[in-house]
Amino acid sequence: MTDENITGDADIDEPTDVVAESAAETDNGTRQSPAPFTRTGWLRPLTLGVLPAAIVLLGAGAGLLAWQDRSHRAVETARAESVQAASDATVAILSYKPDTVEQDLRKASDRLTGSFLESFTDLVNTVVIPGAREKKISAAAQVSAAASVSATANSAVALVFVNQAVTIDGGAPSGTASSVRVTLDKVDDRWLVSAFDPV
């Protein structure tokens, strides 16, 4: 057997992993690493799973923020409107003149609702109107300050500070300062007083 044959056999029996390693080498002799994940390989699960979920979450978050903003604005509007209504009603309830006491207090009752309307009507008919006419009593109220205690879209509580001057039969007026806790309910887009409690 010649040397030429031995060399040929050695070439034929060369292990396949050596051949694979040689094939993996580039022209300049450096080794190439196996191909990583292709772009489409990781984009597909991201597109089909993560992105739709993120879009849903973003939409829900935006909806929640919009709802909170609307709720906050509604409460702030309720606070402002109820405080104004409480102030106006307080002046109407505590102000009258002997000659027009019935008309004055009837107008005031238009700002009231519920059981308070009933008790106020009974009080003015049996006590205030007869007394004002007989003793020529007049009363003038002025709100010095008012603030919201609590408010929702349909109910509110306000604290009203009021000064009232009462005159009897043309005499010198006597002044009193007091504070009232006014509870209001929204009825047909109007804030009406449902409770009127001195504090």
N, C-alpha and C. Protein backbone atom coordinates (compact mmCIF):
# COMPACT_ATOMS: atom_id res chain seq x y z
N MET A 1 0.87 -1.18 0.00
CA MET A 1 0.00 0.00 0.00
C MET A 1 0.89 1.22 0.00
N THR A 2 0.61 2.16 -0.90
CA THR A 2 1.46 3.35 -1.05
C THR A 2 1.01 4.41 -0.09
N ASP A 3 1.95 5.39 0.09
CA ASP A 3 1.64 6.53 0.97
C ASP A 3 0.47 7.32 0.44
N GLU A 4 0.32 7.32 -0.86
CA GLU A 4 -0.74 8.08 -1.50
C GLU A 4 -2.08 7.54 -1.11
N ASN A 5 -2.22 6.21 -1.01
CA ASN A 5 -3.48 5.59 -0.64
C ASN A 5 -3.82 5.85 0.81
N ILE A 6 -2.78 5.83 1.66
CA ILE A 6 -3.01 6.06 3.08
C ILE A 6 -3.54 7.46 3.30
N THR A 7 -2.91 8.39 2.59
CA THR A 7 -3.35 9.78 2.72
C THR A 7 -4.77 9.94 2.23
N GLY A 8 -5.13 9.32 1.19
CA GLY A 8 -6.51 9.41 0.65
C GLY A 8 -7.52 8.86 1.62
N ASP A 9 -7.19 7.70 2.25
CA ASP A 9 -8.12 7.12 3.20
C ASP A 9 -8.33 8.04 4.39
N ALA A 10 -7.28 8.71 4.83
CA ALA A 10 -7.38 9.61 5.97
C ALA A 10 -8.30 10.77 5.66
N ASP A 11 -8.22 11.21 4.40
CA ASP A 11 -9.10 12.32 4.01
C ASP A 11 -10.54 11.89 4.00
N ILE A 12 -10.84 10.70 3.61
CA ILE A 12 -12.22 10.22 3.51
C ILE A 12 -12.80 10.03 4.90
N ASP A 13 -11.95 9.54 5.85
CA ASP A 13 -12.46 9.25 7.20
C ASP A 13 -12.48 10.46 8.11
N GLU A 14 -12.27 11.68 7.62
CA GLU A 14 -12.26 12.89 8.47
C GLU A 14 -13.62 13.06 9.12
N PRO A 15 -13.68 13.31 10.41
CA PRO A 15 -14.97 13.41 11.13
C PRO A 15 -15.82 14.54 10.57
N THR A 16 -17.13 14.29 10.60
CA THR A 16 -18.07 15.26 10.01
C THR A 16 -18.13 16.54 10.82
N ASP A 17 -17.87 16.48 12.17
CA ASP A 17 -17.93 17.71 12.95
C ASP A 17 -16.80 18.65 12.60
N VAL A 18 -15.66 18.08 12.22
CA VAL A 18 -14.56 18.93 11.77
C VAL A 18 -14.94 19.64 10.50
N VAL A 19 -15.61 18.91 9.59
CA VAL A 19 -16.05 19.51 8.33
C VAL A 19 -17.05 20.61 8.61
N ALA A 20 -18.00 20.38 9.55
CA ALA A 20 -19.01 21.38 9.87
C ALA A 20 -18.36 22.61 10.46
N GLU A 21 -17.35 22.39 11.33
CA GLU A 21 -16.67 23.54 11.92
C GLU A 21 -15.95 24.33 10.85
N SER A 22 -15.32 23.63 9.90
CA SER A 22 -14.63 24.33 8.82
C SER A 22 -15.61 25.12 8.00
N ALA A 23 -16.81 24.57 7.78
CA ALA A 23 -17.80 25.27 6.96
C ALA A 23 -18.33 26.49 7.68
N ALA A 24 -18.32 26.47 9.02
CA ALA A 24 -18.84 27.60 9.78
C ALA A 24 -17.86 28.74 9.81
N GLU A 25 -16.62 28.51 9.38
CA GLU A 25 -15.63 29.58 9.37
C GLU A 25 -15.82 30.45 8.15
N THR A 26 -15.58 31.73 8.33
CA THR A 26 -15.69 32.67 7.21
C THR A 26 -14.38 32.73 6.47
N ASP A 27 -14.35 33.48 5.41
CA ASP A 27 -13.17 33.61 4.57
C ASP A 27 -11.98 34.14 5.34
N ASN A 28 -12.20 35.03 6.33
CA ASN A 28 -11.05 35.60 7.04
C ASN A 28 -10.66 34.75 8.25
N GLY A 29 -11.30 33.60 8.44
CA GLY A 29 -10.87 32.68 9.47
C GLY A 29 -11.59 32.82 10.79
N THR A 30 -12.51 33.74 10.93
CA THR A 30 -13.24 33.92 12.18
C THR A 30 -14.47 33.03 12.18
N ARG A 31 -14.90 32.63 13.38
CA ARG A 31 -16.03 31.72 13.50
C ARG A 31 -17.32 32.53 13.63
N GLN A 32 -18.39 32.10 12.93
CA GLN A 32 -19.71 32.74 13.00
C GLN A 32 -20.55 32.04 14.05
N SER A 33 -21.25 32.84 14.94
CA SER A 33 -22.14 32.24 15.92
C SER A 33 -23.43 31.82 15.23
N PRO A 34 -24.16 30.89 15.84
CA PRO A 34 -25.44 30.48 15.24
C PRO A 34 -26.38 31.67 15.10
N ALA A 35 -27.24 31.63 14.10
CA ALA A 35 -28.14 32.75 13.82
C ALA A 35 -29.08 32.97 15.00
N PRO A 36 -29.19 34.22 15.49
CA PRO A 36 -30.09 34.50 16.61
C PRO A 36 -31.53 34.46 16.13
N PHE A 37 -32.49 34.74 17.12
CA PHE A 37 -33.90 34.87 16.77
C PHE A 37 -34.04 35.87 15.65
N THR A 38 -34.79 35.53 14.68
CA THR A 38 -35.03 36.50 13.61
C THR A 38 -36.02 37.56 14.11
N ARG A 39 -36.08 38.72 13.46
CA ARG A 39 -36.95 39.82 13.87
C ARG A 39 -38.41 39.39 13.87
N THR A 40 -38.80 38.66 12.84
CA THR A 40 -40.19 38.21 12.78
C THR A 40 -40.47 37.18 13.86
N GLY A 41 -39.46 36.49 14.36
CA GLY A 41 -39.66 35.48 15.38
C GLY A 41 -40.14 36.06 16.70
N TRP A 42 -39.62 37.21 17.14
CA TRP A 42 -40.07 37.78 18.41
C TRP A 42 -41.11 38.87 18.22
N LEU A 43 -41.25 39.39 17.03
CA LEU A 43 -42.28 40.41 16.80
C LEU A 43 -43.67 39.81 16.78
N ARG A 44 -43.79 38.59 16.30
CA ARG A 44 -45.12 38.00 16.17
C ARG A 44 -45.82 37.84 17.52
N PRO A 45 -45.21 37.21 18.54
CA PRO A 45 -45.92 37.13 19.83
C PRO A 45 -46.16 38.49 20.45
N LEU A 46 -45.21 39.42 20.23
CA LEU A 46 -45.39 40.77 20.76
C LEU A 46 -46.60 41.43 20.13
N THR A 47 -46.73 41.30 18.83
CA THR A 47 -47.85 41.91 18.12
C THR A 47 -49.17 41.26 18.48
N LEU A 48 -49.19 39.94 18.59
CA LEU A 48 -50.44 39.22 18.83
C LEU A 48 -50.88 39.24 20.28
N GLY A 49 -49.96 39.42 21.23
CA GLY A 49 -50.34 39.33 22.64
C GLY A 49 -50.15 40.60 23.44
N VAL A 50 -48.93 41.11 23.44
CA VAL A 50 -48.61 42.21 24.33
C VAL A 50 -49.21 43.52 23.86
N LEU A 51 -49.10 43.84 22.59
CA LEU A 51 -49.58 45.14 22.10
C LEU A 51 -51.09 45.30 22.26
N PRO A 52 -51.93 44.32 21.88
CA PRO A 52 -53.37 44.50 22.12
C PRO A 52 -53.71 44.69 23.59
N ALA A 53 -53.04 43.94 24.47
CA ALA A 53 -53.30 44.09 25.90
C ALA A 53 -52.91 45.48 26.38
N ALA A 54 -51.79 45.99 25.87
CA ALA A 54 -51.35 47.34 26.25
C ALA A 54 -52.34 48.39 25.76
N ILE A 55 -52.85 48.20 24.56
CA ILE A 55 -53.82 49.15 24.01
C ILE A 55 -55.10 49.15 24.85
N VAL A 56 -55.56 47.96 25.25
CA VAL A 56 -56.76 47.87 26.10
C VAL A 56 -56.52 48.56 27.43
N LEU A 57 -55.35 48.32 28.04
CA LEU A 57 -55.05 48.95 29.32
C LEU A 57 -54.96 50.46 29.19
N LEU A 58 -54.34 50.94 28.13
CA LEU A 58 -54.26 52.38 27.91
C LEU A 58 -55.63 52.99 27.72
N GLY A 59 -56.48 52.30 26.97
CA GLY A 59 -57.85 52.79 26.76
C GLY A 59 -58.63 52.83 28.06
N ALA A 60 -58.49 51.79 28.87
CA ALA A 60 -59.18 51.77 30.16
C ALA A 60 -58.66 52.87 31.08
N GLY A 61 -57.35 53.07 31.08
CA GLY A 61 -56.77 54.14 31.90
C GLY A 61 -57.26 55.51 31.48
N ALA A 62 -57.32 55.73 30.17
CA ALA A 62 -57.80 57.03 29.67
C ALA A 62 -59.27 57.23 30.03
N GLY A 63 -60.06 56.16 29.92
CA GLY A 63 -61.48 56.25 30.29
C GLY A 63 -61.66 56.56 31.77
N LEU A 64 -60.85 55.93 32.61
CA LEU A 64 -60.92 56.17 34.06
C LEU A 64 -60.56 57.61 34.39
N LEU A 65 -59.50 58.11 33.76
CA LEU A 65 -59.09 59.49 34.00
C LEU A 65 -60.16 60.48 33.56
N ALA A 66 -60.79 60.20 32.42
CA ALA A 66 -61.86 61.08 31.93
C ALA A 66 -63.04 61.07 32.88
N TRP A 67 -63.39 59.86 33.39
CA TRP A 67 -64.50 59.76 34.34
C TRP A 67 -64.19 60.50 35.63
N GLN A 68 -62.96 60.35 36.14
CA GLN A 68 -62.57 61.04 37.36
C GLN A 68 -62.61 62.56 37.16
N ASP A 69 -62.18 63.01 35.98
CA ASP A 69 -62.20 64.44 35.70
C ASP A 69 -63.64 64.97 35.68
N ARG A 70 -64.54 64.22 35.02
CA ARG A 70 -65.94 64.64 34.98
C ARG A 70 -66.55 64.65 36.38
N SER A 71 -66.24 63.63 37.17
CA SER A 71 -66.76 63.56 38.54
C SER A 71 -66.26 64.72 39.38
N HIS A 72 -64.97 65.01 39.24
CA HIS A 72 -64.38 66.12 40.00
C HIS A 72 -65.03 67.44 39.61
N ARG A 73 -65.23 67.65 38.33
CA ARG A 73 -65.87 68.89 37.87
C ARG A 73 -67.31 68.98 38.36
N ALA A 74 -68.03 67.85 38.35
CA ALA A 74 -69.42 67.84 38.82
C ALA A 74 -69.49 68.19 40.29
N VAL A 75 -68.57 67.66 41.10
CA VAL A 75 -68.55 67.96 42.53
C VAL A 75 -68.21 69.42 42.77
N GLU A 76 -67.23 69.95 42.03
CA GLU A 76 -66.86 71.36 42.20
C GLU A 76 -68.02 72.27 41.81
N THR A 77 -68.73 71.92 40.75
CA THR A 77 -69.91 72.70 40.35
C THR A 77 -70.98 72.63 41.42
N ALA A 78 -71.20 71.43 41.97
CA ALA A 78 -72.19 71.25 43.03
C ALA A 78 -71.83 72.08 44.26
N ARG A 79 -70.56 72.12 44.61
CA ARG A 79 -70.13 72.92 45.76
C ARG A 79 -70.48 74.39 45.55
N ALA A 80 -70.10 74.93 44.42
CA ALA A 80 -70.33 76.35 44.15
C ALA A 80 -71.82 76.67 44.11
N GLU A 81 -72.59 75.86 43.39
CA GLU A 81 -74.02 76.12 43.25
C GLU A 81 -74.76 75.96 44.58
N SER A 82 -74.41 74.94 45.36
CA SER A 82 -75.12 74.71 46.62
C SER A 82 -74.80 75.78 47.65
N VAL A 83 -73.58 76.26 47.68
CA VAL A 83 -73.23 77.34 48.62
C VAL A 83 -74.01 78.61 48.27
N GLN A 84 -74.11 78.91 46.99
CA GLN A 84 -74.88 80.08 46.57
C GLN A 84 -76.36 79.91 46.92
N ALA A 85 -76.89 78.72 46.65
CA ALA A 85 -78.30 78.46 46.96
C ALA A 85 -78.56 78.54 48.46
N ALA A 86 -77.64 78.02 49.27
CA ALA A 86 -77.80 78.07 50.72
C ALA A 86 -77.77 79.51 51.22
N SER A 87 -76.89 80.32 50.66
CA SER A 87 -76.81 81.73 51.06
C SER A 87 -78.09 82.47 50.70
N ASP A 88 -78.56 82.28 49.47
CA ASP A 88 -79.78 82.96 49.02
C ASP A 88 -80.99 82.52 49.84
N ALA A 89 -81.09 81.22 50.13
CA ALA A 89 -82.23 80.72 50.90
C ALA A 89 -82.19 81.24 52.33
N THR A 90 -81.01 81.32 52.92
CA THR A 90 -80.89 81.82 54.29
C THR A 90 -81.38 83.26 54.39
N VAL A 91 -80.98 84.09 53.44
CA VAL A 91 -81.45 85.48 53.43
C VAL A 91 -82.96 85.52 53.27
N ALA A 92 -83.51 84.69 52.38
CA ALA A 92 -84.96 84.69 52.14
C ALA A 92 -85.73 84.22 53.37
N ILE A 93 -85.22 83.20 54.06
CA ILE A 93 -85.92 82.65 55.23
C ILE A 93 -85.94 83.64 56.39
N LEU A 94 -84.86 84.41 56.55
CA LEU A 94 -84.72 85.28 57.72
C LEU A 94 -85.00 86.75 57.45
N SER A 95 -85.56 87.07 56.29
CA SER A 95 -85.84 88.47 55.95
C SER A 95 -87.32 88.65 55.61
N TYR A 96 -87.95 89.65 56.22
CA TYR A 96 -89.35 89.97 55.91
C TYR A 96 -89.70 91.34 56.50
N LYS A 97 -90.79 91.88 56.01
CA LYS A 97 -91.32 93.15 56.52
C LYS A 97 -92.75 92.92 56.98
N PRO A 98 -93.24 93.69 57.95
CA PRO A 98 -94.58 93.42 58.48
C PRO A 98 -95.68 93.58 57.44
N ASP A 99 -95.52 94.50 56.51
CA ASP A 99 -96.58 94.72 55.53
C ASP A 99 -96.59 93.64 54.43
N THR A 100 -95.44 93.01 54.21
CA THR A 100 -95.35 92.03 53.11
C THR A 100 -94.86 90.67 53.61
N VAL A 101 -95.01 90.41 54.90
CA VAL A 101 -94.44 89.21 55.49
C VAL A 101 -94.96 87.94 54.83
N GLU A 102 -96.25 87.91 54.50
CA GLU A 102 -96.80 86.69 53.90
C GLU A 102 -96.17 86.41 52.54
N GLN A 103 -96.11 87.44 51.69
CA GLN A 103 -95.51 87.27 50.35
C GLN A 103 -94.01 86.95 50.47
N ASP A 104 -93.33 87.64 51.41
CA ASP A 104 -91.89 87.41 51.57
C ASP A 104 -91.59 85.96 51.92
N LEU A 105 -92.34 85.44 52.89
CA LEU A 105 -92.05 84.08 53.35
C LEU A 105 -92.61 83.01 52.41
N ARG A 106 -93.62 83.36 51.64
CA ARG A 106 -94.08 82.43 50.60
C ARG A 106 -93.00 82.26 49.53
N LYS A 107 -92.33 83.34 49.19
CA LYS A 107 -91.23 83.26 48.23
C LYS A 107 -90.09 82.42 48.80
N ALA A 108 -89.85 82.59 50.08
CA ALA A 108 -88.79 81.81 50.73
C ALA A 108 -89.11 80.32 50.67
N SER A 109 -90.40 79.97 50.86
CA SER A 109 -90.78 78.55 50.87
C SER A 109 -90.56 77.90 49.51
N ASP A 110 -90.46 78.69 48.45
CA ASP A 110 -90.20 78.13 47.12
C ASP A 110 -88.77 77.58 47.01
N ARG A 111 -87.94 77.92 47.98
CA ARG A 111 -86.55 77.45 47.98
C ARG A 111 -86.35 76.22 48.86
N LEU A 112 -87.45 75.68 49.40
CA LEU A 112 -87.38 74.59 50.37
C LEU A 112 -87.99 73.32 49.81
N THR A 113 -87.70 72.20 50.46
CA THR A 113 -88.25 70.92 50.02
C THR A 113 -88.40 69.97 51.21
N GLY A 114 -89.17 68.91 51.01
CA GLY A 114 -89.29 67.83 51.98
C GLY A 114 -89.98 68.24 53.27
N SER A 115 -89.57 67.58 54.35
CA SER A 115 -90.20 67.83 55.66
C SER A 115 -89.90 69.23 56.17
N PHE A 116 -88.75 69.79 55.77
CA PHE A 116 -88.44 71.15 56.22
C PHE A 116 -89.42 72.16 55.62
N LEU A 117 -89.82 71.95 54.40
CA LEU A 117 -90.82 72.83 53.78
C LEU A 117 -92.13 72.78 54.58
N GLU A 118 -92.52 71.60 55.00
CA GLU A 118 -93.76 71.46 55.77
C GLU A 118 -93.67 72.16 57.13
N SER A 119 -92.56 71.93 57.84
CA SER A 119 -92.42 72.54 59.17
C SER A 119 -92.26 74.06 59.07
N PHE A 120 -91.56 74.54 58.03
CA PHE A 120 -91.41 75.99 57.84
C PHE A 120 -92.77 76.63 57.54
N THR A 121 -93.53 76.01 56.67
CA THR A 121 -94.85 76.54 56.32
C THR A 121 -95.74 76.62 57.55
N ASP A 122 -95.72 75.59 58.37
CA ASP A 122 -96.53 75.58 59.59
C ASP A 122 -96.08 76.68 60.55
N LEU A 123 -94.78 76.85 60.70
CA LEU A 123 -94.23 77.87 61.62
C LEU A 123 -94.60 79.28 61.18
N VAL A 124 -94.41 79.59 59.91
CA VAL A 124 -94.69 80.96 59.46
C VAL A 124 -96.18 81.28 59.50
N ASN A 125 -97.01 80.28 59.24
CA ASN A 125 -98.45 80.53 59.25
C ASN A 125 -99.00 80.72 60.66
N THR A 126 -98.45 80.00 61.62
CA THR A 126 -99.00 80.05 62.98
C THR A 126 -98.29 81.04 63.90
N VAL A 127 -97.02 81.35 63.62
CA VAL A 127 -96.24 82.18 64.54
C VAL A 127 -95.69 83.45 63.88
N VAL A 128 -94.93 83.29 62.82
CA VAL A 128 -94.17 84.42 62.27
C VAL A 128 -95.08 85.47 61.63
N ILE A 129 -95.98 85.06 60.75
CA ILE A 129 -96.84 86.03 60.05
C ILE A 129 -97.75 86.78 61.03
N PRO A 130 -98.47 86.09 61.94
CA PRO A 130 -99.30 86.83 62.90
C PRO A 130 -98.48 87.77 63.80
N GLY A 131 -97.30 87.28 64.26
CA GLY A 131 -96.47 88.10 65.14
C GLY A 131 -95.91 89.33 64.43
N ALA A 132 -95.48 89.13 63.18
CA ALA A 132 -94.92 90.27 62.43
C ALA A 132 -95.98 91.33 62.17
N ARG A 133 -97.19 90.92 61.90
CA ARG A 133 -98.26 91.88 61.64
C ARG A 133 -98.68 92.60 62.92
N GLU A 134 -98.78 91.84 63.98
CA GLU A 134 -99.27 92.43 65.24
C GLU A 134 -98.25 93.39 65.85
N LYS A 135 -96.99 92.98 65.89
CA LYS A 135 -95.97 93.78 66.57
C LYS A 135 -95.12 94.60 65.60
N LYS A 136 -95.52 94.56 64.32
CA LYS A 136 -94.78 95.29 63.29
C LYS A 136 -93.27 94.95 63.33
N ILE A 137 -93.02 93.64 63.20
CA ILE A 137 -91.64 93.15 63.22
C ILE A 137 -91.12 93.05 61.80
N SER A 138 -89.94 93.57 61.61
CA SER A 138 -89.24 93.37 60.33
C SER A 138 -87.87 92.78 60.63
N ALA A 139 -87.39 91.99 59.69
CA ALA A 139 -86.08 91.35 59.84
C ALA A 139 -85.32 91.44 58.53
N ALA A 140 -84.05 91.71 58.65
CA ALA A 140 -83.19 91.77 57.47
C ALA A 140 -81.94 90.95 57.74
N ALA A 141 -81.68 89.98 56.88
CA ALA A 141 -80.54 89.09 57.06
C ALA A 141 -79.49 89.34 55.98
N GLN A 142 -78.25 89.16 56.37
CA GLN A 142 -77.13 89.32 55.42
C GLN A 142 -76.10 88.23 55.71
N VAL A 143 -75.68 87.53 54.68
CA VAL A 143 -74.68 86.47 54.83
C VAL A 143 -73.29 87.08 54.83
N SER A 144 -72.55 86.80 55.89
CA SER A 144 -71.18 87.32 55.98
C SER A 144 -70.15 86.35 55.39
N ALA A 145 -70.46 85.06 55.42
CA ALA A 145 -69.56 84.05 54.85
C ALA A 145 -70.32 82.75 54.69
N ALA A 146 -69.87 81.95 53.76
CA ALA A 146 -70.49 80.63 53.53
C ALA A 146 -69.44 79.71 52.94
N ALA A 147 -69.54 78.44 53.30
CA ALA A 147 -68.57 77.46 52.80
C ALA A 147 -69.24 76.10 52.65
N SER A 148 -68.72 75.33 51.73
CA SER A 148 -69.23 73.98 51.51
C SER A 148 -68.65 73.03 52.55
N VAL A 149 -69.51 72.23 53.16
CA VAL A 149 -69.08 71.19 54.09
C VAL A 149 -68.87 69.89 53.33
N SER A 150 -69.84 69.56 52.48
CA SER A 150 -69.73 68.36 51.63
C SER A 150 -70.64 68.56 50.43
N ALA A 151 -70.34 67.82 49.37
CA ALA A 151 -71.17 67.95 48.16
C ALA A 151 -71.00 66.73 47.27
N THR A 152 -72.11 66.32 46.69
CA THR A 152 -72.11 65.35 45.60
C THR A 152 -72.91 65.98 44.48
N ALA A 153 -73.16 65.22 43.43
CA ALA A 153 -73.90 65.78 42.30
C ALA A 153 -75.33 66.13 42.67
N ASN A 154 -75.91 65.46 43.70
CA ASN A 154 -77.33 65.65 44.01
C ASN A 154 -77.63 66.06 45.45
N SER A 155 -76.64 66.16 46.29
CA SER A 155 -76.89 66.59 47.67
C SER A 155 -75.66 67.35 48.18
N ALA A 156 -75.92 68.24 49.13
CA ALA A 156 -74.83 69.06 49.64
C ALA A 156 -75.16 69.58 51.03
N VAL A 157 -74.11 69.97 51.74
CA VAL A 157 -74.25 70.62 53.04
C VAL A 157 -73.35 71.85 53.02
N ALA A 158 -73.89 72.98 53.47
CA ALA A 158 -73.12 74.22 53.52
C ALA A 158 -73.24 74.84 54.90
N LEU A 159 -72.21 75.52 55.32
CA LEU A 159 -72.21 76.26 56.58
C LEU A 159 -72.31 77.74 56.23
N VAL A 160 -73.35 78.39 56.76
CA VAL A 160 -73.62 79.78 56.42
C VAL A 160 -73.55 80.64 57.68
N PHE A 161 -72.77 81.71 57.62
CA PHE A 161 -72.67 82.67 58.72
C PHE A 161 -73.52 83.88 58.35
N VAL A 162 -74.42 84.24 59.25
CA VAL A 162 -75.41 85.25 58.91
C VAL A 162 -75.57 86.28 60.02
N ASN A 163 -75.75 87.51 59.62
CA ASN A 163 -76.09 88.59 60.54
C ASN A 163 -77.54 88.99 60.28
N GLN A 164 -78.32 89.08 61.35
CA GLN A 164 -79.73 89.44 61.20
C GLN A 164 -80.06 90.63 62.11
N ALA A 165 -80.69 91.62 61.51
CA ALA A 165 -81.15 92.80 62.27
C ALA A 165 -82.67 92.75 62.35
N VAL A 166 -83.20 92.82 63.57
CA VAL A 166 -84.65 92.75 63.80
C VAL A 166 -85.13 94.08 64.39
N THR A 167 -86.18 94.59 63.81
CA THR A 167 -86.78 95.84 64.28
C THR A 167 -88.22 95.59 64.70
N ILE A 168 -88.60 96.11 65.89
CA ILE A 168 -89.96 95.93 66.39
C ILE A 168 -90.63 97.29 66.53
N ASP A 169 -91.72 97.45 65.79
CA ASP A 169 -92.56 98.65 65.86
C ASP A 169 -91.74 99.93 65.68
N GLY A 170 -90.85 99.93 64.71
CA GLY A 170 -90.10 101.13 64.39
C GLY A 170 -89.00 101.47 65.36
N GLY A 171 -88.70 100.59 66.31
CA GLY A 171 -87.64 100.88 67.28
C GLY A 171 -86.26 100.65 66.69
N ALA A 172 -85.28 100.75 67.56
CA ALA A 172 -83.90 100.54 67.13
C ALA A 172 -83.67 99.07 66.79
N PRO A 173 -82.98 98.80 65.70
CA PRO A 173 -82.75 97.39 65.33
C PRO A 173 -81.79 96.70 66.30
N SER A 174 -82.05 95.46 66.55
CA SER A 174 -81.14 94.65 67.36
C SER A 174 -80.51 93.60 66.45
N GLY A 175 -79.20 93.51 66.51
CA GLY A 175 -78.49 92.60 65.61
C GLY A 175 -78.02 91.34 66.29
N THR A 176 -78.06 90.26 65.58
CA THR A 176 -77.54 88.98 66.07
C THR A 176 -76.71 88.34 64.97
N ALA A 177 -75.67 87.66 65.38
CA ALA A 177 -74.84 86.91 64.45
C ALA A 177 -74.97 85.42 64.78
N SER A 178 -75.14 84.62 63.77
CA SER A 178 -75.32 83.18 63.99
C SER A 178 -74.77 82.41 62.80
N SER A 179 -74.72 81.11 62.96
CA SER A 179 -74.31 80.25 61.85
C SER A 179 -75.33 79.13 61.71
N VAL A 180 -75.53 78.71 60.48
CA VAL A 180 -76.56 77.72 60.17
C VAL A 180 -75.95 76.64 59.28
N ARG A 181 -76.25 75.40 59.61
CA ARG A 181 -75.88 74.27 58.76
C ARG A 181 -77.06 74.00 57.83
N VAL A 182 -76.84 74.22 56.54
CA VAL A 182 -77.91 74.11 55.56
C VAL A 182 -77.69 72.86 54.71
N THR A 183 -78.68 71.98 54.71
CA THR A 183 -78.63 70.77 53.89
C THR A 183 -79.50 71.00 52.66
N LEU A 184 -78.97 70.62 51.50
CA LEU A 184 -79.69 70.86 50.24
C LEU A 184 -79.78 69.59 49.41
N ASP A 185 -80.87 69.49 48.67
CA ASP A 185 -81.05 68.41 47.70
C ASP A 185 -81.29 69.04 46.33
N LYS A 186 -80.77 68.40 45.30
CA LYS A 186 -80.99 68.91 43.95
C LYS A 186 -82.27 68.28 43.40
N VAL A 187 -83.25 69.13 43.13
CA VAL A 187 -84.56 68.68 42.64
C VAL A 187 -84.86 69.42 41.35
N ASP A 188 -84.99 68.68 40.25
CA ASP A 188 -85.28 69.30 38.95
C ASP A 188 -84.28 70.42 38.63
N ASP A 189 -83.00 70.12 38.82
CA ASP A 189 -81.91 71.05 38.51
C ASP A 189 -81.89 72.29 39.40
N ARG A 190 -82.58 72.24 40.54
CA ARG A 190 -82.53 73.35 41.50
C ARG A 190 -82.07 72.82 42.84
N TRP A 191 -81.23 73.61 43.52
CA TRP A 191 -80.79 73.24 44.86
C TRP A 191 -81.79 73.80 45.86
N LEU A 192 -82.48 72.89 46.58
CA LEU A 192 -83.51 73.26 47.54
C LEU A 192 -83.09 72.84 48.95
N VAL A 193 -83.46 73.65 49.93
CA VAL A 193 -83.07 73.40 51.31
C VAL A 193 -83.96 72.32 51.90
N SER A 194 -83.35 71.28 52.44
CA SER A 194 -84.10 70.20 53.08
C SER A 194 -83.91 70.17 54.60
N ALA A 195 -82.95 70.94 55.11
CA ALA A 195 -82.75 71.06 56.55
C ALA A 195 -82.04 72.37 56.83
N PHE A 196 -82.39 72.98 57.98
CA PHE A 196 -81.86 74.32 58.33
C PHE A 196 -81.62 74.31 59.82
N ASP A 197 -80.37 74.02 60.22
CA ASP A 197 -80.07 73.78 61.64
C ASP A 197 -79.07 74.79 62.18
N PRO A 198 -79.48 75.63 63.12
CA PRO A 198 -78.51 76.55 63.76
C PRO A 198 -77.41 75.77 64.47
N VAL A 199 -76.18 76.28 64.40
CA VAL A 199 -75.05 75.61 65.05
C VAL A 199 -74.27 76.62 65.88
